[in-house]
Amino acid sequence: MDAVVCTLALCSVKDVGKTLKEVQRVLKPRGQFIFIEHVAAPDGTSLRFWQSLLDPLQQFVSDGCHLTRETGEVIRGSRFSDASINMTYIPSISLISPHVFGTAYK
């Protein structure tokens, strides 16, 4: 494939690393991985406290969605090259307001 687009899905997979390996497998050389994912708030913040507290309930009611995944770090640590990972906050969705978005290449 020339590109794989992933939007708000890696929070719910059982094994993010295994999923990213599959993305790399299906991409052609220099294929692009485009993503946007909600992620855990920074450690020590009140939002991270609430995410950690509510994470078990969130997984139960939201088809396995994890509030405390650090998906950006997992992408950064995978075998993609030229990864551009940006962070933003979407205030209107408070519990999942931290997001990472960007691109990476095979």
PDB file of N, CA and C in Angstrom:
ATOM      1  N   MET A   1       0.833  -1.174   0.000  1.00  0.00           N
ATOM      2  CA  MET A   1       0.000   0.000   0.000  1.00  0.00           C
ATOM      3  C   MET A   1       0.879   1.239   0.000  1.00  0.00           C
ATOM      4  N   ASP A   2       0.366   2.287  -0.604  1.00  0.00           N
ATOM      5  CA  ASP A   2       1.092   3.547  -0.604  1.00  0.00           C
ATOM      6  C   ASP A   2       0.921   4.307   0.700  1.00  0.00           C
ATOM      7  N   ALA A   3      -0.236   4.106   1.367  1.00  0.00           N
ATOM      8  CA  ALA A   3      -0.496   4.802   2.627  1.00  0.00           C
ATOM      9  C   ALA A   3      -1.449   3.984   3.493  1.00  0.00           C
ATOM     10  N   VAL A   4      -1.290   4.142   4.790  1.00  0.00           N
ATOM     11  CA  VAL A   4      -2.222   3.606   5.777  1.00  0.00           C
ATOM     12  C   VAL A   4      -2.638   4.786   6.642  1.00  0.00           C
ATOM     13  N   VAL A   5      -3.943   4.947   6.833  1.00  0.00           N
ATOM     14  CA  VAL A   5      -4.484   6.023   7.656  1.00  0.00           C
ATOM     15  C   VAL A   5      -5.119   5.395   8.891  1.00  0.00           C
ATOM     16  N   CYS A   6      -4.769   5.906  10.049  1.00  0.00           N
ATOM     17  CA  CYS A   6      -5.279   5.378  11.309  1.00  0.00           C
ATOM     18  C   CYS A   6      -5.830   6.529  12.138  1.00  0.00           C
ATOM     19  N   THR A   7      -7.122   6.464  12.443  1.00  0.00           N
ATOM     20  CA  THR A   7      -7.743   7.528  13.223  1.00  0.00           C
ATOM     21  C   THR A   7      -8.457   6.942  14.433  1.00  0.00           C
ATOM     22  N   LEU A   8      -7.946   7.260  15.609  1.00  0.00           N
ATOM     23  CA  LEU A   8      -8.577   6.886  16.873  1.00  0.00           C
ATOM     24  C   LEU A   8      -8.896   5.396  16.951  1.00  0.00           C
ATOM     25  N   ALA A   9      -7.928   4.589  16.564  1.00  0.00           N
ATOM     26  CA  ALA A   9      -8.114   3.136  16.583  1.00  0.00           C
ATOM     27  C   ALA A   9      -7.098   2.428  17.474  1.00  0.00           C
ATOM     28  N   LEU A  10      -5.891   2.962  17.593  1.00  0.00           N
ATOM     29  CA  LEU A  10      -4.843   2.273  18.336  1.00  0.00           C
ATOM     30  C   LEU A  10      -5.110   2.233  19.836  1.00  0.00           C
ATOM     31  N   CYS A  11      -6.037   3.036  20.306  1.00  0.00           N
ATOM     32  CA  CYS A  11      -6.401   2.992  21.731  1.00  0.00           C
ATOM     33  C   CYS A  11      -7.119   1.698  22.080  1.00  0.00           C
ATOM     34  N   SER A  12      -7.695   1.039  21.083  1.00  0.00           N
ATOM     35  CA  SER A  12      -8.541  -0.131  21.339  1.00  0.00           C
ATOM     36  C   SER A  12      -7.923  -1.468  20.947  1.00  0.00           C
ATOM     37  N   VAL A  13      -6.817  -1.464  20.246  1.00  0.00           N
ATOM     38  CA  VAL A  13      -6.229  -2.745  19.855  1.00  0.00           C
ATOM     39  C   VAL A  13      -5.530  -3.376  21.052  1.00  0.00           C
ATOM     40  N   LYS A  14      -5.451  -4.696  21.035  1.00  0.00           N
ATOM     41  CA  LYS A  14      -4.827  -5.403  22.164  1.00  0.00           C
ATOM     42  C   LYS A  14      -3.322  -5.159  22.234  1.00  0.00           C
ATOM     43  N   ASP A  15      -2.658  -5.081  21.081  1.00  0.00           N
ATOM     44  CA  ASP A  15      -1.204  -4.962  21.045  1.00  0.00           C
ATOM     45  C   ASP A  15      -0.821  -3.908  20.007  1.00  0.00           C
ATOM     46  N   VAL A  16      -0.504  -2.706  20.467  1.00  0.00           N
ATOM     47  CA  VAL A  16      -0.176  -1.605  19.554  1.00  0.00           C
ATOM     48  C   VAL A  16       1.065  -1.940  18.735  1.00  0.00           C
ATOM     49  N   GLY A  17       2.083  -2.495  19.368  1.00  0.00           N
ATOM     50  CA  GLY A  17       3.312  -2.841  18.653  1.00  0.00           C
ATOM     51  C   GLY A  17       3.066  -3.822  17.519  1.00  0.00           C
ATOM     52  N   LYS A  18       2.269  -4.840  17.782  1.00  0.00           N
ATOM     53  CA  LYS A  18       1.941  -5.835  16.757  1.00  0.00           C
ATOM     54  C   LYS A  18       1.139  -5.194  15.625  1.00  0.00           C
ATOM     55  N   THR A  19       0.236  -4.301  15.968  1.00  0.00           N
ATOM     56  CA  THR A  19      -0.564  -3.607  14.951  1.00  0.00           C
ATOM     57  C   THR A  19       0.331  -2.742  14.070  1.00  0.00           C
ATOM     58  N   LEU A  20       1.285  -2.043  14.673  1.00  0.00           N
ATOM     59  CA  LEU A  20       2.194  -1.212  13.884  1.00  0.00           C
ATOM     60  C   LEU A  20       3.104  -2.053  12.995  1.00  0.00           C
ATOM     61  N   LYS A  21       3.479  -3.242  13.446  1.00  0.00           N
ATOM     62  CA  LYS A  21       4.259  -4.146  12.594  1.00  0.00           C
ATOM     63  C   LYS A  21       3.439  -4.560  11.369  1.00  0.00           C
ATOM     64  N   GLU A  22       2.150  -4.767  11.553  1.00  0.00           N
ATOM     65  CA  GLU A  22       1.281  -5.111  10.427  1.00  0.00           C
ATOM     66  C   GLU A  22       1.153  -3.926   9.468  1.00  0.00           C
ATOM     67  N   VAL A  23       1.065  -2.716  10.001  1.00  0.00           N
ATOM     68  CA  VAL A  23       1.050  -1.524   9.144  1.00  0.00           C
ATOM     69  C   VAL A  23       2.324  -1.486   8.311  1.00  0.00           C
ATOM     70  N   GLN A  24       3.460  -1.707   8.946  1.00  0.00           N
ATOM     71  CA  GLN A  24       4.733  -1.703   8.216  1.00  0.00           C
ATOM     72  C   GLN A  24       4.789  -2.815   7.175  1.00  0.00           C
ATOM     73  N   ARG A  25       4.198  -3.956   7.491  1.00  0.00           N
ATOM     74  CA  ARG A  25       4.220  -5.083   6.550  1.00  0.00           C
ATOM     75  C   ARG A  25       3.464  -4.749   5.263  1.00  0.00           C
ATOM     76  N   VAL A  26       2.324  -4.083   5.383  1.00  0.00           N
ATOM     77  CA  VAL A  26       1.504  -3.823   4.193  1.00  0.00           C
ATOM     78  C   VAL A  26       1.938  -2.583   3.419  1.00  0.00           C
ATOM     79  N   LEU A  27       2.748  -1.731   4.019  1.00  0.00           N
ATOM     80  CA  LEU A  27       3.214  -0.542   3.313  1.00  0.00           C
ATOM     81  C   LEU A  27       4.307  -0.885   2.304  1.00  0.00           C
ATOM     82  N   LYS A  28       4.244  -0.231   1.161  1.00  0.00           N
ATOM     83  CA  LYS A  28       5.344  -0.330   0.199  1.00  0.00           C
ATOM     84  C   LYS A  28       6.543   0.427   0.754  1.00  0.00           C
ATOM     85  N   PRO A  29       7.729   0.167   0.224  1.00  0.00           N
ATOM     86  CA  PRO A  29       8.881   0.978   0.639  1.00  0.00           C
ATOM     87  C   PRO A  29       8.569   2.464   0.441  1.00  0.00           C
ATOM     88  N   ARG A  30       8.886   3.240   1.446  1.00  0.00           N
ATOM     89  CA  ARG A  30       8.596   4.688   1.511  1.00  0.00           C
ATOM     90  C   ARG A  30       7.093   4.980   1.597  1.00  0.00           C
ATOM     91  N   GLY A  31       6.282   3.959   1.882  1.00  0.00           N
ATOM     92  CA  GLY A  31       4.852   4.174   2.099  1.00  0.00           C
ATOM     93  C   GLY A  31       4.627   5.009   3.347  1.00  0.00           C
ATOM     94  N   GLN A  32       3.527   5.735   3.354  1.00  0.00           N
ATOM     95  CA  GLN A  32       3.252   6.694   4.423  1.00  0.00           C
ATOM     96  C   GLN A  32       2.203   6.178   5.406  1.00  0.00           C
ATOM     97  N   PHE A  33       2.476   6.346   6.673  1.00  0.00           N
ATOM     98  CA  PHE A  33       1.543   6.051   7.753  1.00  0.00           C
ATOM     99  C   PHE A  33       1.073   7.399   8.304  1.00  0.00           C
ATOM    100  N   ILE A  34      -0.226   7.650   8.210  1.00  0.00           N
ATOM    101  CA  ILE A  34      -0.824   8.909   8.662  1.00  0.00           C
ATOM    102  C   ILE A  34      -1.720   8.573   9.852  1.00  0.00           C
ATOM    103  N   PHE A  35      -1.596   9.322  10.933  1.00  0.00           N
ATOM    104  CA  PHE A  35      -2.337   8.949  12.134  1.00  0.00           C
ATOM    105  C   PHE A  35      -2.788  10.159  12.945  1.00  0.00           C
ATOM    106  N   ILE A  36      -3.868   9.950  13.691  1.00  0.00           N
ATOM    107  CA  ILE A  36      -4.290  10.826  14.773  1.00  0.00           C
ATOM    108  C   ILE A  36      -4.893   9.921  15.837  1.00  0.00           C
ATOM    109  N   GLU A  37      -4.399  10.065  17.062  1.00  0.00           N
ATOM    110  CA  GLU A  37      -4.812   9.189  18.160  1.00  0.00           C
ATOM    111  C   GLU A  37      -4.900   9.985  19.445  1.00  0.00           C
ATOM    112  N   HIS A  38      -5.894   9.679  20.287  1.00  0.00           N
ATOM    113  CA  HIS A  38      -5.884  10.299  21.612  1.00  0.00           C
ATOM    114  C   HIS A  38      -4.899   9.527  22.475  1.00  0.00           C
ATOM    115  N   VAL A  39      -4.272  10.231  23.396  1.00  0.00           N
ATOM    116  CA  VAL A  39      -3.203   9.644  24.211  1.00  0.00           C
ATOM    117  C   VAL A  39      -3.358  10.061  25.672  1.00  0.00           C
ATOM    118  N   ALA A  40      -2.529   9.488  26.506  1.00  0.00           N
ATOM    119  CA  ALA A  40      -2.519   9.832  27.928  1.00  0.00           C
ATOM    120  C   ALA A  40      -2.020  11.261  28.121  1.00  0.00           C
ATOM    121  N   ALA A  41      -2.594  11.929  29.098  1.00  0.00           N
ATOM    122  CA  ALA A  41      -2.105  13.249  29.501  1.00  0.00           C
ATOM    123  C   ALA A  41      -0.738  13.078  30.168  1.00  0.00           C
ATOM    124  N   PRO A  42       0.029  14.144  30.266  1.00  0.00           N
ATOM    125  CA  PRO A  42       1.343  14.039  30.917  1.00  0.00           C
ATOM    126  C   PRO A  42       1.227  13.551  32.367  1.00  0.00           C
ATOM    127  N   ASP A  43       2.211  12.767  32.788  1.00  0.00           N
ATOM    128  CA  ASP A  43       2.271  12.293  34.177  1.00  0.00           C
ATOM    129  C   ASP A  43       2.228  13.475  35.138  1.00  0.00           C
ATOM    130  N   GLY A  44       1.549  13.271  36.250  1.00  0.00           N
ATOM    131  CA  GLY A  44       1.501  14.289  37.286  1.00  0.00           C
ATOM    132  C   GLY A  44       0.398  15.328  37.121  1.00  0.00           C
ATOM    133  N   THR A  45      -0.328  15.265  36.012  1.00  0.00           N
ATOM    134  CA  THR A  45      -1.410  16.233  35.815  1.00  0.00           C
ATOM    135  C   THR A  45      -2.712  15.674  36.375  1.00  0.00           C
ATOM    136  N   SER A  46      -3.638  16.564  36.673  1.00  0.00           N
ATOM    137  CA  SER A  46      -4.932  16.112  37.177  1.00  0.00           C
ATOM    138  C   SER A  46      -5.673  15.302  36.118  1.00  0.00           C
ATOM    139  N   LEU A  47      -5.502  15.678  34.853  1.00  0.00           N
ATOM    140  CA  LEU A  47      -6.153  14.914  33.788  1.00  0.00           C
ATOM    141  C   LEU A  47      -5.624  13.487  33.754  1.00  0.00           C
ATOM    142  N   ARG A  48      -4.336  13.292  33.923  1.00  0.00           N
ATOM    143  CA  ARG A  48      -3.765  11.940  33.937  1.00  0.00           C
ATOM    144  C   ARG A  48      -4.316  11.148  35.122  1.00  0.00           C
ATOM    145  N   PHE A  49      -4.479  11.810  36.267  1.00  0.00           N
ATOM    146  CA  PHE A  49      -5.071  11.149  37.424  1.00  0.00           C
ATOM    147  C   PHE A  49      -6.459  10.621  37.075  1.00  0.00           C
ATOM    148  N   TRP A  50      -7.298  11.463  36.476  1.00  0.00           N
ATOM    149  CA  TRP A  50      -8.659  11.054  36.119  1.00  0.00           C
ATOM    150  C   TRP A  50      -8.656   9.994  35.037  1.00  0.00           C
ATOM    151  N   GLN A  51      -7.764  10.113  34.069  1.00  0.00           N
ATOM    152  CA  GLN A  51      -7.663   9.078  33.038  1.00  0.00           C
ATOM    153  C   GLN A  51      -7.312   7.730  33.671  1.00  0.00           C
ATOM    154  N   SER A  52      -6.361   7.731  34.582  1.00  0.00           N
ATOM    155  CA  SER A  52      -5.945   6.483  35.238  1.00  0.00           C
ATOM    156  C   SER A  52      -7.071   5.895  36.076  1.00  0.00           C
ATOM    157  N   LEU A  53      -7.790   6.749  36.755  1.00  0.00           N
ATOM    158  CA  LEU A  53      -8.895   6.303  37.587  1.00  0.00           C
ATOM    159  C   LEU A  53     -10.024   5.696  36.754  1.00  0.00           C
ATOM    160  N   LEU A  54     -10.327   6.326  35.622  1.00  0.00           N
ATOM    161  CA  LEU A  54     -11.468   5.908  34.807  1.00  0.00           C
ATOM    162  C   LEU A  54     -11.118   4.916  33.695  1.00  0.00           C
ATOM    163  N   ASP A  55      -9.827   4.617  33.527  1.00  0.00           N
ATOM    164  CA  ASP A  55      -9.401   3.742  32.437  1.00  0.00           C
ATOM    165  C   ASP A  55     -10.077   2.366  32.448  1.00  0.00           C
ATOM    166  N   PRO A  56     -10.186   1.675  33.577  1.00  0.00           N
ATOM    167  CA  PRO A  56     -10.861   0.362  33.557  1.00  0.00           C
ATOM    168  C   PRO A  56     -12.323   0.461  33.096  1.00  0.00           C
ATOM    169  N   LEU A  57     -13.024   1.470  33.551  1.00  0.00           N
ATOM    170  CA  LEU A  57     -14.412   1.661  33.123  1.00  0.00           C
ATOM    171  C   LEU A  57     -14.474   1.981  31.632  1.00  0.00           C
ATOM    172  N   GLN A  58     -13.580   2.844  31.179  1.00  0.00           N
ATOM    173  CA  GLN A  58     -13.530   3.211  29.759  1.00  0.00           C
ATOM    174  C   GLN A  58     -13.312   1.977  28.883  1.00  0.00           C
ATOM    175  N   GLN A  59     -12.424   1.096  29.294  1.00  0.00           N
ATOM    176  CA  GLN A  59     -12.170  -0.110  28.513  1.00  0.00           C
ATOM    177  C   GLN A  59     -13.419  -0.974  28.413  1.00  0.00           C
ATOM    178  N   PHE A  60     -14.174  -1.024  29.495  1.00  0.00           N
ATOM    179  CA  PHE A  60     -15.387  -1.838  29.523  1.00  0.00           C
ATOM    180  C   PHE A  60     -16.490  -1.250  28.651  1.00  0.00           C
ATOM    181  N   VAL A  61     -16.726   0.048  28.749  1.00  0.00           N
ATOM    182  CA  VAL A  61     -17.865   0.657  28.050  1.00  0.00           C
ATOM    183  C   VAL A  61     -17.527   1.116  26.628  1.00  0.00           C
ATOM    184  N   SER A  62     -16.249   1.193  26.297  1.00  0.00           N
ATOM    185  CA  SER A  62     -15.850   1.732  24.984  1.00  0.00           C
ATOM    186  C   SER A  62     -15.027   0.753  24.160  1.00  0.00           C
ATOM    187  N   ASP A  63     -15.423  -0.509  24.195  1.00  0.00           N
ATOM    188  CA  ASP A  63     -14.830  -1.525  23.333  1.00  0.00           C
ATOM    189  C   ASP A  63     -13.306  -1.617  23.458  1.00  0.00           C
ATOM    190  N   GLY A  64     -12.816  -1.551  24.694  1.00  0.00           N
ATOM    191  CA  GLY A  64     -11.389  -1.747  24.923  1.00  0.00           C
ATOM    192  C   GLY A  64     -10.541  -0.501  24.819  1.00  0.00           C
ATOM    193  N   CYS A  65     -11.143   0.661  24.675  1.00  0.00           N
ATOM    194  CA  CYS A  65     -10.396   1.916  24.544  1.00  0.00           C
ATOM    195  C   CYS A  65      -9.640   2.227  25.832  1.00  0.00           C
ATOM    196  N   HIS A  66      -8.337   2.455  25.698  1.00  0.00           N
ATOM    197  CA  HIS A  66      -7.470   2.786  26.828  1.00  0.00           C
ATOM    198  C   HIS A  66      -7.247   4.296  26.876  1.00  0.00           C
ATOM    199  N   LEU A  67      -7.497   4.894  28.021  1.00  0.00           N
ATOM    200  CA  LEU A  67      -7.270   6.334  28.187  1.00  0.00           C
ATOM    201  C   LEU A  67      -5.807   6.662  28.437  1.00  0.00           C
ATOM    202  N   THR A  68      -5.034   5.696  28.885  1.00  0.00           N
ATOM    203  CA  THR A  68      -3.665   5.979  29.341  1.00  0.00           C
ATOM    204  C   THR A  68      -2.582   5.430  28.410  1.00  0.00           C
ATOM    205  N   ARG A  69      -2.930   5.148  27.184  1.00  0.00           N
ATOM    206  CA  ARG A  69      -1.906   4.674  26.237  1.00  0.00           C
ATOM    207  C   ARG A  69      -1.028   5.841  25.793  1.00  0.00           C
ATOM    208  N   GLU A  70       0.240   5.545  25.641  1.00  0.00           N
ATOM    209  CA  GLU A  70       1.189   6.540  25.155  1.00  0.00           C
ATOM    210  C   GLU A  70       1.568   6.168  23.723  1.00  0.00           C
ATOM    211  N   THR A  71       0.569   6.246  22.863  1.00  0.00           N
ATOM    212  CA  THR A  71       0.694   5.769  21.489  1.00  0.00           C
ATOM    213  C   THR A  71       1.777   6.508  20.712  1.00  0.00           C
ATOM    214  N   GLY A  72       1.930   7.797  20.948  1.00  0.00           N
ATOM    215  CA  GLY A  72       2.985   8.550  20.254  1.00  0.00           C
ATOM    216  C   GLY A  72       4.357   7.984  20.538  1.00  0.00           C
ATOM    217  N   GLU A  73       4.591   7.599  21.778  1.00  0.00           N
ATOM    218  CA  GLU A  73       5.880   7.017  22.153  1.00  0.00           C
ATOM    219  C   GLU A  73       6.073   5.644  21.514  1.00  0.00           C
ATOM    220  N   VAL A  74       4.993   4.875  21.394  1.00  0.00           N
ATOM    221  CA  VAL A  74       5.093   3.562  20.759  1.00  0.00           C
ATOM    222  C   VAL A  74       5.431   3.735  19.272  1.00  0.00           C
ATOM    223  N   ILE A  75       4.788   4.694  18.614  1.00  0.00           N
ATOM    224  CA  ILE A  75       5.089   4.962  17.200  1.00  0.00           C
ATOM    225  C   ILE A  75       6.530   5.420  17.059  1.00  0.00           C
ATOM    226  N   ARG A  76       6.950   6.322  17.941  1.00  0.00           N
ATOM    227  CA  ARG A  76       8.332   6.834  17.892  1.00  0.00           C
ATOM    228  C   ARG A  76       9.346   5.704  18.075  1.00  0.00           C
ATOM    229  N   GLY A  77       9.027   4.710  18.892  1.00  0.00           N
ATOM    230  CA  GLY A  77       9.940   3.611  19.156  1.00  0.00           C
ATOM    231  C   GLY A  77       9.859   2.465  18.162  1.00  0.00           C
ATOM    232  N   SER A  78       8.972   2.563  17.187  1.00  0.00           N
ATOM    233  CA  SER A  78       8.836   1.489  16.203  1.00  0.00           C
ATOM    234  C   SER A  78       9.840   1.687  15.071  1.00  0.00           C
ATOM    235  N   ARG A  79       9.761   0.840  14.072  1.00  0.00           N
ATOM    236  CA  ARG A  79      10.756   0.856  12.994  1.00  0.00           C
ATOM    237  C   ARG A  79      10.427   1.808  11.847  1.00  0.00           C
ATOM    238  N   PHE A  80       9.532   2.754  12.067  1.00  0.00           N
ATOM    239  CA  PHE A  80       9.255   3.734  11.019  1.00  0.00           C
ATOM    240  C   PHE A  80      10.425   4.694  10.899  1.00  0.00           C
ATOM    241  N   SER A  81      10.578   5.276   9.725  1.00  0.00           N
ATOM    242  CA  SER A  81      11.608   6.298   9.550  1.00  0.00           C
ATOM    243  C   SER A  81      10.916   7.643   9.349  1.00  0.00           C
ATOM    244  N   ASP A  82      11.655   8.681   9.562  1.00  0.00           N
ATOM    245  CA  ASP A  82      11.145  10.047   9.355  1.00  0.00           C
ATOM    246  C   ASP A  82       9.808  10.279  10.039  1.00  0.00           C
ATOM    247  N   ALA A  83       9.670   9.836  11.267  1.00  0.00           N
ATOM    248  CA  ALA A  83       8.411  10.032  11.989  1.00  0.00           C
ATOM    249  C   ALA A  83       8.296  11.480  12.440  1.00  0.00           C
ATOM    250  N   SER A  84       7.173  12.077  12.114  1.00  0.00           N
ATOM    251  CA  SER A  84       6.847  13.429  12.565  1.00  0.00           C
ATOM    252  C   SER A  84       5.623  13.302  13.464  1.00  0.00           C
ATOM    253  N   ILE A  85       5.829  13.487  14.763  1.00  0.00           N
ATOM    254  CA  ILE A  85       4.754  13.295  15.737  1.00  0.00           C
ATOM    255  C   ILE A  85       4.514  14.617  16.452  1.00  0.00           C
ATOM    256  N   ASN A  86       3.298  15.096  16.374  1.00  0.00           N
ATOM    257  CA  ASN A  86       2.909  16.361  16.978  1.00  0.00           C
ATOM    258  C   ASN A  86       1.855  16.108  18.046  1.00  0.00           C
ATOM    259  N   MET A  87       1.784  16.984  19.033  1.00  0.00           N
ATOM    260  CA  MET A  87       0.798  16.841  20.096  1.00  0.00           C
ATOM    261  C   MET A  87      -0.096  18.074  20.108  1.00  0.00           C
ATOM    262  N   THR A  88      -1.377  17.835  20.379  1.00  0.00           N
ATOM    263  CA  THR A  88      -2.332  18.929  20.514  1.00  0.00           C
ATOM    264  C   THR A  88      -3.369  18.533  21.554  1.00  0.00           C
ATOM    265  N   TYR A  89      -4.131  19.516  21.977  1.00  0.00           N
ATOM    266  CA  TYR A  89      -5.227  19.280  22.927  1.00  0.00           C
ATOM    267  C   TYR A  89      -6.518  19.778  22.293  1.00  0.00           C
ATOM    268  N   ILE A  90      -7.573  18.991  22.441  1.00  0.00           N
ATOM    269  CA  ILE A  90      -8.892  19.367  21.943  1.00  0.00           C
ATOM    270  C   ILE A  90      -9.760  19.585  23.187  1.00  0.00           C
ATOM    271  N   PRO A  91      -9.903  20.827  23.632  1.00  0.00           N
ATOM    272  CA  PRO A  91     -10.547  21.086  24.923  1.00  0.00           C
ATOM    273  C   PRO A  91     -12.006  20.645  25.016  1.00  0.00           C
ATOM    274  N   SER A  92     -12.700  20.553  23.919  1.00  0.00           N
ATOM    275  CA  SER A  92     -14.127  20.212  23.969  1.00  0.00           C
ATOM    276  C   SER A  92     -14.375  18.747  24.323  1.00  0.00           C
ATOM    277  N   ILE A  93     -13.342  17.926  24.310  1.00  0.00           N
ATOM    278  CA  ILE A  93     -13.482  16.510  24.683  1.00  0.00           C
ATOM    279  C   ILE A  93     -12.520  16.213  25.827  1.00  0.00           C
ATOM    280  N   SER A  94     -12.807  16.759  26.965  1.00  0.00           N
ATOM    281  CA  SER A  94     -11.859  16.870  28.074  1.00  0.00           C
ATOM    282  C   SER A  94     -11.103  15.599  28.436  1.00  0.00           C
ATOM    283  N   LEU A  95     -11.769  14.485  28.647  1.00  0.00           N
ATOM    284  CA  LEU A  95     -11.088  13.282  29.128  1.00  0.00           C
ATOM    285  C   LEU A  95     -10.104  12.726  28.106  1.00  0.00           C
ATOM    286  N   ILE A  96     -10.379  12.931  26.828  1.00  0.00           N
ATOM    287  CA  ILE A  96      -9.465  12.452  25.785  1.00  0.00           C
ATOM    288  C   ILE A  96      -8.911  13.627  24.968  1.00  0.00           C
ATOM    289  N   SER A  97      -8.728  14.767  25.612  1.00  0.00           N
ATOM    290  CA  SER A  97      -8.271  15.938  24.864  1.00  0.00           C
ATOM    291  C   SER A  97      -6.841  15.839  24.331  1.00  0.00           C
ATOM    292  N   PRO A  98      -5.885  15.166  24.990  1.00  0.00           N
ATOM    293  CA  PRO A  98      -4.548  15.075  24.395  1.00  0.00           C
ATOM    294  C   PRO A  98      -4.560  14.141  23.178  1.00  0.00           C
ATOM    295  N   HIS A  99      -4.024  14.636  22.087  1.00  0.00           N
ATOM    296  CA  HIS A  99      -3.939  13.851  20.847  1.00  0.00           C
ATOM    297  C   HIS A  99      -2.543  13.965  20.253  1.00  0.00           C
ATOM    298  N   VAL A 100      -2.133  12.910  19.591  1.00  0.00           N
ATOM    299  CA  VAL A 100      -0.940  12.985  18.740  1.00  0.00           C
ATOM    300  C   VAL A 100      -1.399  12.795  17.296  1.00  0.00           C
ATOM    301  N   PHE A 101      -0.688  13.463  16.407  1.00  0.00           N
ATOM    302  CA  PHE A 101      -0.987  13.316  14.988  1.00  0.00           C
ATOM    303  C   PHE A 101       0.319  13.462  14.213  1.00  0.00           C
ATOM    304  N   GLY A 102       0.334  12.853  13.044  1.00  0.00           N
ATOM    305  CA  GLY A 102       1.539  12.985  12.246  1.00  0.00           C
ATOM    306  C   GLY A 102       1.646  11.961  11.147  1.00  0.00           C
ATOM    307  N   THR A 103       2.867  11.812  10.685  1.00  0.00           N
ATOM    308  CA  THR A 103       3.175  10.878   9.617  1.00  0.00           C
ATOM    309  C   THR A 103       4.467  10.136   9.942  1.00  0.00           C
ATOM    310  N   ALA A 104       4.591   8.981   9.363  1.00  0.00           N
ATOM    311  CA  ALA A 104       5.824   8.202   9.459  1.00  0.00           C
ATOM    312  C   ALA A 104       5.941   7.398   8.171  1.00  0.00           C
ATOM    313  N   TYR A 105       7.133   6.970   7.848  1.00  0.00           N
ATOM    314  CA  TYR A 105       7.375   6.247   6.602  1.00  0.00           C
ATOM    315  C   TYR A 105       8.037   4.915   6.865  1.00  0.00           C
ATOM    316  N   LYS A 106       7.759   3.981   5.946  1.00  0.00           N
ATOM    317  CA  LYS A 106       8.378   2.666   6.039  1.00  0.00           C
ATOM    318  C   LYS A 106       9.835   2.777   5.658  1.00  0.00           C
TER     319      LYS A 106
END
